[in-house]
N, C-alpha and C. Protein backbone atom coordinates (compact mmCIF):
# COMPACT_ATOMS: atom_id res chain seq x y z
N MET A 1 -8.16 8.41 -72.46
CA MET A 1 -7.98 7.26 -73.46
C MET A 1 -7.38 5.52 -72.86
N ALA A 2 -7.09 6.65 -71.93
CA ALA A 2 -6.18 5.28 -70.79
C ALA A 2 -7.64 4.22 -70.49
N ASP A 3 -8.56 4.83 -70.05
CA ASP A 3 -10.13 4.45 -69.39
C ASP A 3 -10.99 3.80 -70.73
N LEU A 4 -10.49 4.36 -71.88
CA LEU A 4 -11.37 2.63 -72.74
C LEU A 4 -10.18 1.96 -72.86
N ALA A 5 -8.78 1.82 -73.04
CA ALA A 5 -8.29 0.87 -72.89
C ALA A 5 -8.35 -0.01 -72.43
N ASN A 6 -8.84 0.07 -70.59
CA ASN A 6 -9.09 -0.36 -69.18
C ASN A 6 -10.11 -0.92 -69.43
N LEU A 7 -11.59 -0.59 -70.37
CA LEU A 7 -12.82 -0.81 -70.59
C LEU A 7 -12.83 -1.72 -71.60
N LYS A 8 -11.80 -2.07 -72.79
CA LYS A 8 -11.84 -2.29 -73.67
C LYS A 8 -11.49 -3.85 -72.62
N SER A 9 -10.35 -3.63 -72.32
CA SER A 9 -9.44 -4.75 -71.91
C SER A 9 -10.24 -5.88 -70.48
N SER A 10 -10.82 -5.07 -69.68
CA SER A 10 -12.03 -5.46 -68.67
C SER A 10 -13.45 -6.32 -69.87
N PHE A 11 -13.26 -5.69 -70.85
CA PHE A 11 -14.48 -6.14 -71.80
C PHE A 11 -14.24 -7.51 -72.35
N SER A 12 -12.64 -7.62 -72.94
CA SER A 12 -12.69 -8.85 -73.17
C SER A 12 -12.36 -9.75 -72.44
N LYS A 13 -11.55 -9.98 -71.18
CA LYS A 13 -11.64 -10.50 -70.31
C LYS A 13 -13.28 -11.42 -69.91
N GLN A 14 -14.11 -10.76 -69.83
CA GLN A 14 -15.26 -11.27 -69.67
C GLN A 14 -16.14 -12.26 -70.86
N SER A 15 -15.92 -11.63 -71.94
CA SER A 15 -16.24 -12.23 -73.35
C SER A 15 -15.73 -13.53 -73.39
N PHE A 16 -16.50 -14.46 -73.84
CA PHE A 16 -15.70 -15.83 -74.24
C PHE A 16 -16.81 -16.58 -75.74
N VAL A 17 -16.29 -17.24 -75.74
CA VAL A 17 -17.03 -18.68 -76.70
C VAL A 17 -17.66 -19.37 -76.39
N LEU A 18 -18.86 -19.93 -76.81
CA LEU A 18 -19.31 -21.39 -76.71
C LEU A 18 -19.21 -22.85 -77.30
N GLY A 19 -18.95 -23.67 -76.71
CA GLY A 19 -18.36 -24.99 -77.71
C GLY A 19 -19.25 -26.01 -77.27
N LEU A 20 -20.45 -26.69 -77.95
CA LEU A 20 -21.08 -26.98 -77.75
C LEU A 20 -21.12 -28.65 -78.37
N ASP A 21 -21.42 -30.00 -77.64
CA ASP A 21 -21.21 -31.23 -78.65
C ASP A 21 -22.31 -31.72 -77.93
N ILE A 22 -23.41 -32.11 -78.93
CA ILE A 22 -24.39 -33.18 -78.30
C ILE A 22 -24.39 -34.57 -78.96
N GLY A 23 -24.35 -35.39 -78.02
CA GLY A 23 -24.37 -36.47 -78.58
C GLY A 23 -25.84 -37.43 -78.71
N SER A 24 -25.47 -38.92 -78.66
CA SER A 24 -26.74 -39.69 -78.82
C SER A 24 -27.33 -39.94 -77.35
N ALA A 25 -26.72 -39.26 -76.00
CA ALA A 25 -27.01 -39.59 -74.89
C ALA A 25 -27.12 -38.11 -74.17
N ALA A 26 -26.33 -37.07 -74.59
CA ALA A 26 -25.65 -36.25 -73.27
C ALA A 26 -25.66 -34.84 -74.20
N VAL A 27 -25.52 -34.19 -73.64
CA VAL A 27 -25.31 -32.75 -74.23
C VAL A 27 -23.90 -32.17 -73.30
N SER A 28 -23.32 -31.66 -74.13
CA SER A 28 -21.81 -30.47 -73.41
C SER A 28 -21.86 -29.42 -73.61
N ALA A 29 -21.40 -28.73 -72.99
CA ALA A 29 -20.79 -27.81 -73.61
C ALA A 29 -19.65 -27.06 -72.48
N VAL A 30 -18.96 -25.78 -73.54
CA VAL A 30 -18.00 -25.11 -72.75
C VAL A 30 -17.96 -23.78 -72.88
N GLU A 31 -17.77 -22.88 -72.34
CA GLU A 31 -17.50 -21.77 -71.74
C GLU A 31 -15.95 -21.41 -71.94
N MET A 32 -15.41 -20.84 -72.89
CA MET A 32 -13.86 -20.72 -72.74
C MET A 32 -13.35 -18.92 -73.37
N SER A 33 -12.53 -18.40 -72.43
CA SER A 33 -12.36 -17.15 -72.95
C SER A 33 -11.68 -16.57 -74.39
N LEU A 34 -11.45 -15.76 -75.13
CA LEU A 34 -11.17 -15.20 -75.78
C LEU A 34 -9.64 -15.88 -76.37
N GLU A 35 -8.74 -16.63 -75.09
CA GLU A 35 -7.25 -16.49 -74.92
C GLU A 35 -7.16 -18.49 -74.85
N GLY A 36 -8.46 -18.97 -74.76
CA GLY A 36 -8.96 -20.42 -75.07
C GLY A 36 -8.54 -20.40 -73.69
N GLU A 37 -9.09 -20.16 -72.68
CA GLU A 37 -9.07 -20.51 -70.87
C GLU A 37 -10.33 -21.02 -70.41
N VAL A 38 -10.51 -22.49 -70.17
CA VAL A 38 -12.19 -22.41 -70.17
C VAL A 38 -12.43 -21.94 -69.09
N LEU A 39 -13.57 -21.30 -69.19
CA LEU A 39 -14.32 -21.11 -68.05
C LEU A 39 -15.50 -21.50 -66.90
N ARG A 40 -15.88 -22.45 -68.00
CA ARG A 40 -16.99 -23.20 -67.56
C ARG A 40 -17.52 -24.06 -68.20
N THR A 41 -17.53 -25.82 -67.38
CA THR A 41 -18.07 -26.57 -68.67
C THR A 41 -19.51 -27.03 -67.91
N TYR A 42 -19.89 -27.96 -69.23
CA TYR A 42 -21.90 -28.15 -68.56
C TYR A 42 -21.74 -29.79 -69.38
N TYR A 43 -22.46 -30.40 -68.64
CA TYR A 43 -23.20 -31.71 -68.94
C TYR A 43 -24.14 -32.37 -68.14
N ALA A 44 -25.10 -33.06 -69.24
CA ALA A 44 -26.46 -33.46 -69.41
C ALA A 44 -27.08 -34.47 -69.87
N PHE A 45 -27.43 -35.32 -69.29
CA PHE A 45 -27.68 -36.15 -70.38
C PHE A 45 -29.62 -35.72 -70.24
N HIS A 46 -29.41 -35.89 -71.96
CA HIS A 46 -31.06 -35.02 -72.41
C HIS A 46 -32.26 -36.20 -72.50
N HIS A 47 -31.87 -37.80 -72.41
CA HIS A 47 -33.37 -38.14 -72.37
C HIS A 47 -34.15 -38.24 -73.38
N GLY A 48 -33.05 -38.18 -74.16
CA GLY A 48 -34.38 -37.87 -75.96
C GLY A 48 -34.64 -36.51 -76.31
N ASP A 49 -34.90 -35.78 -74.99
CA ASP A 49 -35.15 -34.02 -75.25
C ASP A 49 -33.89 -32.72 -75.23
N ILE A 50 -33.27 -33.30 -76.46
CA ILE A 50 -32.35 -32.26 -76.13
C ILE A 50 -32.23 -30.82 -76.36
N TYR A 51 -33.99 -30.40 -76.87
CA TYR A 51 -33.55 -29.23 -76.91
C TYR A 51 -33.95 -28.61 -75.37
N LYS A 52 -34.62 -28.95 -74.95
CA LYS A 52 -35.10 -28.88 -73.18
C LYS A 52 -33.95 -29.03 -72.52
N THR A 53 -33.39 -29.68 -72.70
CA THR A 53 -31.78 -30.04 -72.20
C THR A 53 -31.09 -28.93 -72.39
N LEU A 54 -30.72 -28.47 -73.30
CA LEU A 54 -29.74 -27.02 -73.86
C LEU A 54 -29.76 -26.17 -73.38
N CYS A 55 -31.63 -25.98 -73.63
CA CYS A 55 -32.25 -24.42 -73.03
C CYS A 55 -31.45 -24.51 -71.21
N SER A 56 -31.81 -25.56 -70.44
CA SER A 56 -31.53 -25.71 -69.11
C SER A 56 -30.26 -25.91 -68.81
N LEU A 57 -29.53 -26.37 -69.48
CA LEU A 57 -27.95 -26.09 -69.50
C LEU A 57 -27.73 -24.30 -69.68
N LEU A 58 -28.17 -24.17 -70.48
CA LEU A 58 -27.54 -22.79 -70.86
C LEU A 58 -28.41 -21.75 -70.32
N ALA A 59 -29.03 -21.63 -69.33
CA ALA A 59 -30.07 -20.86 -68.85
C ALA A 59 -28.83 -19.52 -68.29
N GLY A 60 -28.03 -20.09 -67.40
CA GLY A 60 -27.27 -19.56 -66.70
C GLY A 60 -26.36 -18.17 -67.72
N ILE A 61 -26.00 -18.34 -68.65
CA ILE A 61 -25.02 -18.25 -69.48
C ILE A 61 -25.35 -16.39 -69.73
N GLU A 62 -24.37 -15.58 -69.75
CA GLU A 62 -24.54 -14.36 -69.55
C GLU A 62 -24.72 -13.62 -71.62
N PHE A 63 -25.66 -14.74 -72.21
CA PHE A 63 -24.88 -14.35 -73.47
C PHE A 63 -25.01 -13.00 -74.41
N SER A 64 -24.96 -11.66 -73.73
CA SER A 64 -24.54 -10.70 -74.20
C SER A 64 -22.72 -10.48 -73.90
N LEU A 65 -22.58 -11.74 -73.59
CA LEU A 65 -20.31 -11.40 -73.75
C LEU A 65 -20.17 -12.67 -74.59
N LEU A 66 -21.77 -13.29 -75.00
CA LEU A 66 -20.96 -14.48 -76.38
C LEU A 66 -20.38 -13.87 -77.65
N ARG A 67 -19.33 -14.06 -77.77
CA ARG A 67 -18.67 -13.41 -79.09
C ARG A 67 -18.51 -14.50 -79.88
N GLY A 68 -19.20 -15.93 -79.85
CA GLY A 68 -18.80 -16.70 -81.39
C GLY A 68 -19.60 -18.30 -80.17
N ALA A 69 -19.68 -19.26 -81.32
CA ALA A 69 -20.43 -20.46 -80.67
C ALA A 69 -19.64 -21.35 -81.66
N ALA A 70 -19.39 -22.63 -81.42
CA ALA A 70 -19.08 -23.88 -82.42
C ALA A 70 -19.87 -25.00 -81.28
N CYS A 71 -19.96 -26.36 -82.21
CA CYS A 71 -20.32 -27.36 -82.16
C CYS A 71 -20.07 -28.19 -83.21
N THR A 72 -20.05 -29.62 -82.65
CA THR A 72 -19.79 -30.68 -83.33
C THR A 72 -20.42 -31.20 -84.31
N SER A 73 -20.25 -31.55 -85.53
CA SER A 73 -21.02 -32.24 -86.88
C SER A 73 -22.16 -33.18 -86.27
N THR A 74 -21.85 -33.81 -85.07
CA THR A 74 -22.95 -34.33 -84.55
C THR A 74 -24.03 -33.61 -84.26
N SER A 75 -23.98 -32.61 -83.60
CA SER A 75 -24.81 -31.68 -82.81
C SER A 75 -26.18 -31.17 -83.99
N PRO A 76 -27.23 -31.13 -82.93
CA PRO A 76 -28.75 -31.01 -84.63
C PRO A 76 -28.61 -29.89 -84.98
N HIS A 77 -28.98 -29.43 -86.03
CA HIS A 77 -29.49 -28.63 -87.15
C HIS A 77 -29.93 -27.36 -86.36
N PHE A 78 -30.86 -27.24 -85.66
CA PHE A 78 -31.35 -26.11 -84.99
C PHE A 78 -30.53 -24.90 -84.08
N LEU A 79 -29.45 -25.33 -84.37
CA LEU A 79 -28.11 -25.14 -83.82
C LEU A 79 -27.52 -24.31 -85.29
N ASN A 80 -28.40 -23.65 -85.35
CA ASN A 80 -28.02 -22.56 -87.00
C ASN A 80 -26.54 -21.80 -87.11
N ASN A 81 -26.33 -20.72 -86.37
CA ASN A 81 -25.16 -19.71 -86.45
C ASN A 81 -23.82 -20.05 -86.00
N ALA A 82 -24.10 -21.47 -85.81
CA ALA A 82 -22.70 -22.25 -84.98
C ALA A 82 -22.20 -22.10 -85.95
N PHE A 83 -20.69 -22.19 -85.86
CA PHE A 83 -19.66 -22.81 -86.59
C PHE A 83 -19.33 -24.25 -86.19
N ARG A 84 -19.28 -25.24 -87.48
CA ARG A 84 -19.52 -26.86 -87.06
C ARG A 84 -18.46 -27.38 -87.41
N CYS A 85 -17.96 -28.39 -86.87
CA CYS A 85 -16.85 -28.74 -87.23
C CYS A 85 -16.88 -30.63 -86.45
N ASP A 86 -15.90 -31.13 -87.40
CA ASP A 86 -16.21 -32.85 -86.72
C ASP A 86 -15.62 -32.88 -85.62
N SER A 87 -16.46 -33.99 -84.84
CA SER A 87 -15.98 -34.11 -83.31
C SER A 87 -14.40 -35.00 -83.47
N ARG A 88 -13.93 -36.02 -84.47
CA ARG A 88 -13.15 -35.93 -84.16
C ARG A 88 -11.58 -35.48 -84.24
N ILE A 89 -12.11 -34.00 -84.81
CA ILE A 89 -10.90 -33.37 -84.87
C ILE A 89 -10.86 -32.17 -84.05
N ALA A 90 -12.32 -32.15 -83.40
CA ALA A 90 -12.01 -31.38 -82.47
C ALA A 90 -11.36 -31.94 -80.75
N CYS A 91 -11.72 -33.80 -81.23
CA CYS A 91 -11.17 -34.32 -79.72
C CYS A 91 -9.82 -34.09 -79.85
N ILE A 92 -9.30 -34.05 -81.15
CA ILE A 92 -7.65 -34.21 -81.77
C ILE A 92 -7.20 -33.16 -81.06
N THR A 93 -7.67 -31.92 -82.11
CA THR A 93 -7.34 -30.32 -81.21
C THR A 93 -7.30 -30.66 -79.66
N ALA A 94 -8.36 -30.64 -79.13
CA ALA A 94 -7.89 -30.72 -77.27
C ALA A 94 -6.65 -31.15 -76.80
N ALA A 95 -6.74 -32.25 -77.62
CA ALA A 95 -5.63 -33.34 -76.88
C ALA A 95 -4.40 -32.77 -77.06
N LYS A 96 -4.12 -32.54 -78.52
CA LYS A 96 -2.93 -31.90 -78.55
C LYS A 96 -2.94 -30.64 -77.99
N HIS A 97 -3.66 -29.81 -77.36
CA HIS A 97 -3.55 -28.54 -76.79
C HIS A 97 -3.24 -28.67 -75.59
N ASN A 98 -3.87 -29.57 -75.13
CA ASN A 98 -3.57 -30.02 -73.66
C ASN A 98 -2.42 -30.72 -72.90
N ARG A 99 -2.22 -31.87 -74.07
CA ARG A 99 -1.10 -32.65 -73.63
C ARG A 99 -0.50 -32.36 -75.57
N HIS A 100 1.11 -31.99 -75.56
CA HIS A 100 1.60 -31.68 -76.61
C HIS A 100 1.99 -33.33 -77.83
N GLN A 101 1.93 -34.18 -76.49
CA GLN A 101 2.77 -35.28 -77.03
C GLN A 101 1.46 -36.01 -76.51
N VAL A 102 0.84 -36.44 -77.25
CA VAL A 102 -0.54 -37.62 -77.37
C VAL A 102 -0.10 -39.08 -78.32
N GLY A 103 0.09 -40.29 -77.55
CA GLY A 103 0.12 -41.45 -77.68
C GLY A 103 -1.25 -42.32 -78.54
N SER A 104 -2.12 -41.63 -78.02
CA SER A 104 -3.28 -42.47 -78.48
C SER A 104 -4.67 -41.64 -77.57
N LEU A 105 -5.60 -41.77 -78.35
CA LEU A 105 -7.13 -40.92 -77.80
C LEU A 105 -8.38 -41.68 -77.97
N LEU A 106 -8.74 -41.94 -76.80
CA LEU A 106 -9.63 -43.06 -76.85
C LEU A 106 -11.11 -42.08 -76.57
N SER A 107 -12.51 -42.26 -77.07
CA SER A 107 -13.23 -41.34 -77.26
C SER A 107 -14.72 -42.38 -77.16
N VAL A 108 -15.37 -42.08 -76.12
CA VAL A 108 -16.14 -42.59 -75.55
C VAL A 108 -17.20 -42.13 -75.65
N GLY A 109 -18.32 -42.60 -76.25
CA GLY A 109 -19.70 -41.70 -76.48
C GLY A 109 -20.88 -43.00 -75.63
N GLY A 110 -22.48 -42.38 -75.64
CA GLY A 110 -23.38 -43.19 -75.53
C GLY A 110 -23.45 -44.47 -76.53
N GLU A 111 -22.94 -44.37 -77.61
CA GLU A 111 -23.18 -45.56 -77.72
C GLU A 111 -22.53 -45.73 -79.25
N LYS A 112 -20.99 -45.02 -78.87
CA LYS A 112 -20.10 -45.60 -80.01
C LYS A 112 -18.51 -44.53 -78.86
N PHE A 113 -17.79 -45.88 -79.36
CA PHE A 113 -16.19 -45.34 -79.20
C PHE A 113 -15.49 -45.31 -80.06
N SER A 114 -13.87 -44.39 -80.59
CA SER A 114 -13.34 -44.81 -81.08
C SER A 114 -11.98 -44.34 -80.49
N LEU A 115 -10.69 -45.09 -81.06
CA LEU A 115 -9.18 -44.85 -80.22
C LEU A 115 -8.39 -44.39 -81.61
N ILE A 116 -8.24 -43.66 -81.53
CA ILE A 116 -7.15 -42.60 -82.22
C ILE A 116 -5.77 -42.94 -81.93
N THR A 117 -5.12 -43.24 -82.94
CA THR A 117 -3.81 -43.47 -82.48
C THR A 117 -2.31 -42.20 -83.43
N PHE A 118 -1.45 -42.04 -83.06
CA PHE A 118 -0.65 -41.45 -83.63
C PHE A 118 0.70 -41.82 -83.65
N ASP A 119 1.91 -41.27 -84.33
CA ASP A 119 3.23 -41.27 -84.05
C ASP A 119 3.92 -40.84 -83.66
N ALA A 120 5.24 -41.25 -83.29
CA ALA A 120 6.24 -40.66 -82.50
C ALA A 120 6.21 -39.09 -82.40
N GLU A 121 6.13 -38.48 -83.80
CA GLU A 121 5.75 -37.27 -83.85
C GLU A 121 4.97 -36.51 -83.55
N GLY A 122 3.71 -37.12 -83.64
CA GLY A 122 2.44 -36.93 -83.25
C GLY A 122 1.03 -36.72 -84.26
N ASN A 123 2.02 -36.67 -85.24
CA ASN A 123 0.49 -36.87 -86.85
C ASN A 123 -0.13 -38.37 -86.41
N TYR A 124 -1.50 -37.91 -86.67
CA TYR A 124 -2.33 -39.48 -86.97
C TYR A 124 -1.99 -39.94 -88.00
N ARG A 125 -2.04 -41.43 -87.08
CA ARG A 125 -1.92 -42.95 -87.51
C ARG A 125 -2.94 -43.70 -87.90
N ASN A 126 -4.28 -43.87 -87.41
CA ASN A 126 -4.94 -44.62 -87.10
C ASN A 126 -6.46 -44.29 -86.67
N LEU A 127 -7.55 -45.29 -87.08
CA LEU A 127 -8.78 -44.96 -86.26
C LEU A 127 -8.86 -46.26 -86.12
N LYS A 128 -9.46 -47.10 -85.24
CA LYS A 128 -10.83 -48.05 -85.05
C LYS A 128 -11.59 -47.23 -84.34
N THR A 129 -12.62 -47.90 -84.14
CA THR A 129 -13.77 -47.75 -84.25
C THR A 129 -15.25 -48.84 -83.83
N ASN A 130 -15.95 -48.83 -82.26
CA ASN A 130 -16.43 -49.98 -82.52
C ASN A 130 -17.58 -50.42 -83.16
N THR A 131 -17.99 -51.72 -83.05
CA THR A 131 -18.92 -52.22 -84.50
C THR A 131 -20.51 -51.15 -84.32
N SER A 132 -21.50 -51.80 -84.55
CA SER A 132 -22.56 -51.34 -83.90
C SER A 132 -23.46 -51.85 -82.56
N CYS A 133 -22.82 -52.40 -82.21
CA CYS A 133 -22.84 -52.98 -80.89
C CYS A 133 -22.34 -52.39 -79.57
N ALA A 134 -23.42 -52.33 -78.39
CA ALA A 134 -22.87 -50.77 -77.62
C ALA A 134 -22.00 -51.27 -76.71
N ALA A 135 -21.32 -52.76 -76.90
CA ALA A 135 -20.56 -52.88 -75.84
C ALA A 135 -19.05 -51.94 -75.59
N GLY A 136 -18.96 -51.65 -74.64
CA GLY A 136 -18.18 -50.75 -73.88
C GLY A 136 -18.43 -49.40 -73.93
N THR A 137 -19.31 -48.50 -74.61
CA THR A 137 -19.77 -47.76 -74.43
C THR A 137 -20.03 -47.22 -73.29
N GLY A 138 -20.05 -45.69 -73.31
CA GLY A 138 -20.49 -44.67 -72.40
C GLY A 138 -21.95 -45.34 -71.62
N SER A 139 -23.10 -45.28 -72.73
CA SER A 139 -24.17 -45.95 -71.78
C SER A 139 -23.87 -47.28 -70.87
N PHE A 140 -23.69 -48.37 -71.51
CA PHE A 140 -23.58 -49.61 -70.91
C PHE A 140 -22.74 -49.23 -69.71
N LEU A 141 -21.84 -48.58 -69.88
CA LEU A 141 -21.13 -48.49 -68.09
C LEU A 141 -21.57 -48.06 -67.51
N ASP A 142 -22.57 -46.64 -67.53
CA ASP A 142 -23.37 -46.03 -66.71
C ASP A 142 -24.37 -46.81 -66.24
N GLN A 143 -24.60 -48.06 -67.22
CA GLN A 143 -26.00 -49.04 -66.54
C GLN A 143 -25.16 -49.53 -65.57
N GLN A 144 -24.04 -50.21 -66.00
CA GLN A 144 -23.43 -51.03 -65.10
C GLN A 144 -22.99 -50.43 -63.68
N ALA A 145 -22.30 -49.04 -63.78
CA ALA A 145 -22.45 -48.51 -62.74
C ALA A 145 -23.49 -48.04 -61.65
N ARG A 146 -24.84 -48.15 -62.48
CA ARG A 146 -26.24 -47.69 -61.39
C ARG A 146 -26.21 -49.10 -61.06
N ARG A 147 -26.10 -50.26 -61.94
CA ARG A 147 -26.49 -51.68 -61.37
C ARG A 147 -25.74 -52.02 -60.04
N LEU A 148 -24.28 -51.39 -59.85
CA LEU A 148 -23.54 -51.58 -59.00
C LEU A 148 -23.76 -50.32 -57.49
N ASN A 149 -24.90 -49.26 -58.12
CA ASN A 149 -24.99 -48.58 -56.77
C ASN A 149 -24.10 -47.27 -56.68
N LEU A 150 -23.77 -47.50 -57.51
CA LEU A 150 -22.39 -46.01 -58.26
C LEU A 150 -23.04 -45.28 -58.89
N SER A 151 -22.85 -44.20 -59.10
CA SER A 151 -23.54 -42.53 -59.70
C SER A 151 -23.46 -42.44 -61.30
N ASP A 152 -22.48 -42.87 -61.36
CA ASP A 152 -21.69 -42.83 -63.20
C ASP A 152 -20.86 -43.41 -63.29
N SER A 153 -20.52 -43.97 -65.01
CA SER A 153 -19.27 -44.51 -65.21
C SER A 153 -17.91 -43.84 -64.62
N ALA A 154 -17.67 -42.22 -64.08
CA ALA A 154 -16.30 -41.96 -64.10
C ALA A 154 -16.34 -42.40 -62.54
N GLU A 155 -17.35 -42.40 -61.57
CA GLU A 155 -17.27 -43.27 -60.37
C GLU A 155 -16.72 -44.30 -60.21
N LEU A 156 -17.51 -45.38 -61.66
CA LEU A 156 -17.09 -46.78 -61.65
C LEU A 156 -15.45 -46.38 -62.04
N SER A 157 -15.11 -46.00 -62.83
CA SER A 157 -13.54 -45.56 -63.11
C SER A 157 -13.02 -45.31 -62.18
N GLN A 158 -13.19 -44.20 -61.36
CA GLN A 158 -12.54 -43.80 -60.07
C GLN A 158 -12.05 -45.11 -59.43
N LEU A 159 -13.09 -46.21 -58.80
CA LEU A 159 -12.54 -46.87 -58.50
C LEU A 159 -11.88 -48.20 -58.73
N ALA A 160 -12.60 -48.28 -60.33
CA ALA A 160 -11.24 -49.03 -60.95
C ALA A 160 -10.00 -48.91 -60.81
N LEU A 161 -9.39 -47.46 -60.97
CA LEU A 161 -7.90 -46.93 -61.00
C LEU A 161 -7.64 -47.20 -59.01
N GLN A 162 -8.27 -47.71 -58.25
CA GLN A 162 -7.65 -48.24 -57.08
C GLN A 162 -7.20 -49.68 -56.97
N ASN A 163 -8.35 -50.55 -57.91
CA ASN A 163 -7.83 -51.99 -57.85
C ASN A 163 -6.42 -52.29 -57.92
N LYS A 164 -6.20 -52.80 -56.59
CA LYS A 164 -4.68 -53.54 -56.39
C LYS A 164 -4.50 -54.74 -56.71
N ASN A 165 -6.05 -55.75 -56.99
CA ASN A 165 -5.83 -56.99 -57.40
C ASN A 165 -5.41 -57.38 -58.79
N ILE A 166 -5.28 -58.79 -59.15
CA ILE A 166 -5.52 -59.04 -60.33
C ILE A 166 -7.42 -58.69 -60.46
N PRO A 167 -7.45 -58.29 -61.97
CA PRO A 167 -9.04 -57.64 -62.33
C PRO A 167 -10.14 -59.04 -62.83
N PRO A 168 -10.84 -59.47 -62.72
CA PRO A 168 -11.32 -60.27 -63.13
C PRO A 168 -11.54 -60.32 -64.83
N ILE A 169 -11.76 -61.68 -65.56
CA ILE A 169 -11.96 -61.49 -66.79
C ILE A 169 -13.11 -60.90 -67.29
N ILE A 170 -13.13 -60.12 -68.02
CA ILE A 170 -14.85 -59.39 -68.35
C ILE A 170 -14.56 -59.20 -70.12
N ALA A 171 -15.78 -59.82 -70.76
CA ALA A 171 -15.45 -60.15 -72.11
C ALA A 171 -16.10 -58.62 -72.71
N SER A 172 -15.40 -58.00 -73.73
CA SER A 172 -15.40 -56.66 -73.86
C SER A 172 -15.90 -56.68 -75.57
N ARG A 173 -16.48 -57.58 -76.03
CA ARG A 173 -17.24 -58.02 -77.09
C ARG A 173 -18.12 -57.50 -77.21
N CYS A 174 -18.99 -58.12 -76.22
CA CYS A 174 -20.44 -58.00 -75.94
C CYS A 174 -21.22 -57.73 -75.00
N SER A 175 -21.82 -56.89 -74.85
CA SER A 175 -22.17 -56.18 -73.04
C SER A 175 -23.30 -57.22 -72.50
N VAL A 176 -24.15 -58.38 -73.13
CA VAL A 176 -24.26 -59.09 -72.49
C VAL A 176 -23.44 -59.68 -71.98
N PHE A 177 -22.46 -59.99 -72.80
CA PHE A 177 -21.47 -61.10 -71.74
C PHE A 177 -20.57 -60.33 -70.88
N ALA A 178 -20.85 -59.57 -70.93
CA ALA A 178 -20.04 -58.54 -69.95
C ALA A 178 -20.55 -58.30 -68.83
N LYS A 179 -22.17 -58.28 -68.53
CA LYS A 179 -22.82 -58.11 -68.02
C LYS A 179 -22.70 -59.32 -67.05
N THR A 180 -22.88 -60.29 -67.50
CA THR A 180 -22.59 -61.70 -67.09
C THR A 180 -21.50 -61.94 -66.20
N ASP A 181 -20.32 -61.41 -67.14
CA ASP A 181 -19.70 -61.72 -66.18
C ASP A 181 -19.11 -60.98 -65.17
N ILE A 182 -19.85 -59.46 -64.84
CA ILE A 182 -19.23 -59.18 -64.17
C ILE A 182 -20.03 -59.78 -62.72
N VAL A 183 -21.47 -60.03 -62.94
CA VAL A 183 -21.97 -60.64 -62.25
C VAL A 183 -21.23 -61.68 -61.74
N HIS A 184 -21.19 -62.69 -62.21
CA HIS A 184 -20.36 -63.60 -61.72
C HIS A 184 -19.18 -63.55 -61.16
N ALA A 185 -18.37 -62.63 -61.40
CA ALA A 185 -17.36 -61.91 -60.78
C ALA A 185 -17.52 -61.54 -59.14
N GLN A 186 -18.77 -60.62 -59.29
CA GLN A 186 -19.11 -60.48 -57.95
C GLN A 186 -19.73 -61.29 -57.06
N GLN A 187 -20.07 -62.66 -57.66
CA GLN A 187 -21.02 -63.90 -56.74
C GLN A 187 -19.78 -64.63 -56.43
N THR A 188 -18.59 -64.42 -57.13
CA THR A 188 -17.51 -65.85 -56.70
C THR A 188 -16.49 -64.38 -55.75
N GLY A 189 -16.50 -63.36 -55.44
CA GLY A 189 -16.20 -62.70 -54.41
C GLY A 189 -15.12 -61.39 -55.08
N TYR A 190 -15.31 -60.92 -56.07
CA TYR A 190 -14.69 -59.80 -55.82
C TYR A 190 -15.10 -58.46 -55.55
N SER A 191 -13.73 -57.52 -55.28
CA SER A 191 -14.38 -56.54 -54.90
C SER A 191 -14.58 -55.68 -55.77
N LEU A 192 -15.59 -54.56 -55.32
CA LEU A 192 -16.42 -53.55 -56.37
C LEU A 192 -15.09 -53.05 -57.23
N GLU A 193 -13.88 -52.52 -56.54
CA GLU A 193 -12.89 -52.28 -57.32
C GLU A 193 -12.33 -53.28 -58.21
């Protein structure tokens, strides 16, 4: 009987659930243990070919250990048997799980961003989203990072956090104006940070 218990314990440690978020620009996936521990994460730009990117991203997954799957409501409907949840609810739940006291949550996607705010007790207070313009979104930030010979917006963010000087004024309402301001700032001698 003890061997059966050990086998069962070993089996449950290897089992996982899969979470998927497929947005306008990228596919994100996470393998989580049944206890909620993040085992592996995956992220790739799909360049319009969602199915091929998803298959490539998940090629190394041991599906015999998969116990369930969930995806955000923005994910395509070919994910038939996955539990669906609202992407904002998923972000709020994850933020509160990882940081028990959350004041605000900024979600930046490929074409949209949203700011969710909470009151002092951690209750939802407000939601603000961008207009149909892509200014300040992930795609624009990645584009500017590449223009500056950086790998992506994550590297751009890391450099920006290192800045100790007064930052240039860059338009935040229009990506065309923002790009113009960035070019002008470079020409006047601002550092990359």
